[in-house]
Amino acid sequence: MSHETSAAQTGGPAEKKSRKDRKERKDEEGWFERGVALRAGFYIFGTHLFAGFIWLLFYLGEHAHK
């Protein structure tokens, strides 16, 4: 057996590094998912706000005194 194989089997440095890498990737994925959710929420809210403003303009234009 080589040094790398025995270290991986006994929970040596290679396995600890692998666990750390997986945890860091999971944390990065969590941040990415939060960013996507935040961005989607902002776009949805902003779109509805813009649509409400356009609706208000049509409403005020319809009831304007001519």
N, C-alpha and C. Protein backbone atom coordinates (compact mmCIF):
# COMPACT_ATOMS: atom_id res chain seq x y z
N MET A 1 0.83 -1.19 0.00
CA MET A 1 0.00 0.00 0.00
C MET A 1 0.87 1.25 0.00
N SER A 2 0.40 2.24 -0.72
CA SER A 2 1.15 3.49 -0.74
C SER A 2 0.76 4.35 0.46
N HIS A 3 1.47 5.41 0.65
CA HIS A 3 1.20 6.31 1.77
C HIS A 3 -0.18 6.98 1.61
N GLU A 4 -0.54 7.37 0.40
CA GLU A 4 -1.82 8.03 0.16
C GLU A 4 -2.98 7.10 0.45
N THR A 5 -2.87 5.84 0.05
CA THR A 5 -3.94 4.87 0.26
C THR A 5 -4.13 4.61 1.75
N SER A 6 -3.05 4.42 2.49
CA SER A 6 -3.19 4.15 3.91
C SER A 6 -3.71 5.37 4.66
N ALA A 7 -3.34 6.56 4.25
CA ALA A 7 -3.83 7.78 4.90
C ALA A 7 -5.32 7.95 4.67
N ALA A 8 -5.79 7.63 3.47
CA ALA A 8 -7.21 7.77 3.16
C ALA A 8 -8.03 6.74 3.91
N GLN A 9 -7.49 5.55 4.11
CA GLN A 9 -8.23 4.50 4.80
C GLN A 9 -8.29 4.74 6.30
N THR A 10 -7.32 5.34 6.87
CA THR A 10 -7.28 5.51 8.32
C THR A 10 -7.81 6.87 8.76
N GLY A 11 -8.37 7.64 7.85
CA GLY A 11 -8.89 8.95 8.22
C GLY A 11 -7.79 9.97 8.39
N GLY A 12 -6.77 9.84 7.60
CA GLY A 12 -5.62 10.73 7.69
C GLY A 12 -5.89 12.07 7.06
N PRO A 13 -4.82 12.80 6.77
CA PRO A 13 -4.94 14.17 6.25
C PRO A 13 -5.72 14.26 4.95
N ALA A 14 -5.61 13.26 4.09
CA ALA A 14 -6.31 13.33 2.80
C ALA A 14 -7.81 13.33 3.01
N GLU A 15 -8.31 12.52 3.94
CA GLU A 15 -9.75 12.46 4.19
C GLU A 15 -10.24 13.73 4.87
N LYS A 16 -9.44 14.26 5.79
CA LYS A 16 -9.83 15.51 6.46
C LYS A 16 -9.90 16.66 5.47
N LYS A 17 -8.96 16.68 4.55
CA LYS A 17 -8.96 17.73 3.53
C LYS A 17 -10.19 17.60 2.64
N SER A 18 -10.54 16.36 2.30
CA SER A 18 -11.70 16.12 1.46
C SER A 18 -12.97 16.58 2.16
N ARG A 19 -13.09 16.30 3.45
CA ARG A 19 -14.26 16.75 4.21
C ARG A 19 -14.33 18.27 4.25
N LYS A 20 -13.19 18.90 4.44
CA LYS A 20 -13.14 20.37 4.49
C LYS A 20 -13.55 20.95 3.14
N ASP A 21 -13.05 20.37 2.05
CA ASP A 21 -13.40 20.84 0.72
C ASP A 21 -14.90 20.71 0.48
N ARG A 22 -15.47 19.57 0.88
CA ARG A 22 -16.91 19.38 0.69
C ARG A 22 -17.71 20.38 1.50
N LYS A 23 -17.29 20.67 2.73
CA LYS A 23 -17.99 21.65 3.56
C LYS A 23 -17.90 23.04 2.95
N GLU A 24 -16.72 23.40 2.45
CA GLU A 24 -16.56 24.72 1.82
C GLU A 24 -17.43 24.83 0.58
N ARG A 25 -17.48 23.77 -0.22
CA ARG A 25 -18.34 23.79 -1.41
C ARG A 25 -19.80 23.92 -1.01
N LYS A 26 -20.20 23.23 0.05
CA LYS A 26 -21.59 23.30 0.51
C LYS A 26 -21.90 24.72 0.97
N ASP A 27 -20.97 25.37 1.69
CA ASP A 27 -21.17 26.74 2.13
C ASP A 27 -21.29 27.68 0.94
N GLU A 28 -20.44 27.47 -0.07
CA GLU A 28 -20.50 28.31 -1.27
C GLU A 28 -21.83 28.12 -1.99
N GLU A 29 -22.32 26.88 -2.06
CA GLU A 29 -23.60 26.62 -2.70
C GLU A 29 -24.73 27.28 -1.93
N GLY A 30 -24.63 27.28 -0.61
CA GLY A 30 -25.64 27.94 0.22
C GLY A 30 -25.69 29.43 -0.05
N TRP A 31 -24.51 30.05 -0.14
CA TRP A 31 -24.47 31.48 -0.45
C TRP A 31 -25.02 31.75 -1.84
N PHE A 32 -24.70 30.87 -2.78
CA PHE A 32 -25.19 31.04 -4.15
C PHE A 32 -26.70 30.93 -4.17
N GLU A 33 -27.27 29.94 -3.46
CA GLU A 33 -28.72 29.77 -3.43
C GLU A 33 -29.39 30.97 -2.78
N ARG A 34 -28.80 31.49 -1.71
CA ARG A 34 -29.37 32.68 -1.07
C ARG A 34 -29.33 33.87 -2.01
N GLY A 35 -28.24 34.01 -2.75
CA GLY A 35 -28.13 35.11 -3.70
C GLY A 35 -29.17 35.02 -4.81
N VAL A 36 -29.39 33.82 -5.30
CA VAL A 36 -30.38 33.62 -6.36
C VAL A 36 -31.78 33.93 -5.82
N ALA A 37 -32.09 33.45 -4.62
CA ALA A 37 -33.40 33.69 -4.02
C ALA A 37 -33.60 35.19 -3.78
N LEU A 38 -32.58 35.86 -3.28
CA LEU A 38 -32.68 37.30 -3.03
C LEU A 38 -32.89 38.06 -4.33
N ARG A 39 -32.13 37.70 -5.34
CA ARG A 39 -32.25 38.36 -6.64
C ARG A 39 -33.63 38.12 -7.24
N ALA A 40 -34.11 36.89 -7.18
CA ALA A 40 -35.44 36.58 -7.73
C ALA A 40 -36.52 37.35 -6.99
N GLY A 41 -36.41 37.41 -5.67
CA GLY A 41 -37.39 38.17 -4.88
C GLY A 41 -37.37 39.64 -5.23
N PHE A 42 -36.17 40.18 -5.40
CA PHE A 42 -36.05 41.59 -5.77
C PHE A 42 -36.66 41.85 -7.15
N TYR A 43 -36.40 40.97 -8.12
CA TYR A 43 -36.96 41.15 -9.46
C TYR A 43 -38.48 41.03 -9.45
N ILE A 44 -39.00 40.07 -8.70
CA ILE A 44 -40.45 39.89 -8.63
C ILE A 44 -41.09 41.11 -7.97
N PHE A 45 -40.53 41.56 -6.84
CA PHE A 45 -41.06 42.73 -6.14
C PHE A 45 -40.96 43.96 -7.04
N GLY A 46 -39.81 44.14 -7.67
CA GLY A 46 -39.62 45.31 -8.54
C GLY A 46 -40.56 45.31 -9.73
N THR A 47 -40.79 44.14 -10.31
CA THR A 47 -41.70 44.04 -11.45
C THR A 47 -43.12 44.40 -11.03
N HIS A 48 -43.55 43.91 -9.87
CA HIS A 48 -44.89 44.24 -9.40
C HIS A 48 -45.01 45.72 -9.05
N LEU A 49 -43.97 46.28 -8.49
CA LEU A 49 -43.97 47.71 -8.18
C LEU A 49 -44.08 48.54 -9.46
N PHE A 50 -43.33 48.17 -10.47
CA PHE A 50 -43.39 48.86 -11.76
C PHE A 50 -44.77 48.71 -12.40
N ALA A 51 -45.34 47.50 -12.35
CA ALA A 51 -46.67 47.27 -12.92
C ALA A 51 -47.71 48.09 -12.17
N GLY A 52 -47.57 48.20 -10.86
CA GLY A 52 -48.49 49.03 -10.07
C GLY A 52 -48.40 50.49 -10.46
N PHE A 53 -47.19 50.96 -10.70
CA PHE A 53 -47.00 52.35 -11.12
C PHE A 53 -47.65 52.60 -12.48
N ILE A 54 -47.49 51.68 -13.42
CA ILE A 54 -48.11 51.82 -14.74
C ILE A 54 -49.63 51.81 -14.60
N TRP A 55 -50.16 50.89 -13.75
CA TRP A 55 -51.60 50.83 -13.51
C TRP A 55 -52.09 52.16 -12.94
N LEU A 56 -51.33 52.74 -12.00
CA LEU A 56 -51.71 54.02 -11.41
C LEU A 56 -51.75 55.12 -12.48
N LEU A 57 -50.80 55.12 -13.39
CA LEU A 57 -50.80 56.12 -14.46
C LEU A 57 -52.05 55.98 -15.34
N PHE A 58 -52.41 54.76 -15.70
CA PHE A 58 -53.61 54.56 -16.49
C PHE A 58 -54.86 54.97 -15.72
N TYR A 59 -54.91 54.65 -14.43
CA TYR A 59 -56.06 55.00 -13.60
C TYR A 59 -56.21 56.52 -13.52
N LEU A 60 -55.10 57.21 -13.24
CA LEU A 60 -55.15 58.67 -13.15
C LEU A 60 -55.47 59.30 -14.51
N GLY A 61 -54.96 58.75 -15.58
CA GLY A 61 -55.25 59.27 -16.91
C GLY A 61 -56.71 59.09 -17.28
N GLU A 62 -57.31 57.99 -16.86
CA GLU A 62 -58.72 57.72 -17.16
C GLU A 62 -59.62 58.69 -16.40
N HIS A 63 -59.23 59.09 -15.21
CA HIS A 63 -60.07 59.96 -14.38
C HIS A 63 -59.63 61.42 -14.43
N ALA A 64 -58.80 61.78 -15.36
CA ALA A 64 -58.34 63.15 -15.48
C ALA A 64 -59.46 64.03 -16.05
N HIS A 65 -59.54 65.26 -15.56
CA HIS A 65 -60.54 66.19 -16.07
C HIS A 65 -60.00 66.81 -17.36
N LYS A 66 -60.79 66.69 -18.38
CA LYS A 66 -60.36 67.23 -19.69
C LYS A 66 -61.10 68.48 -20.04
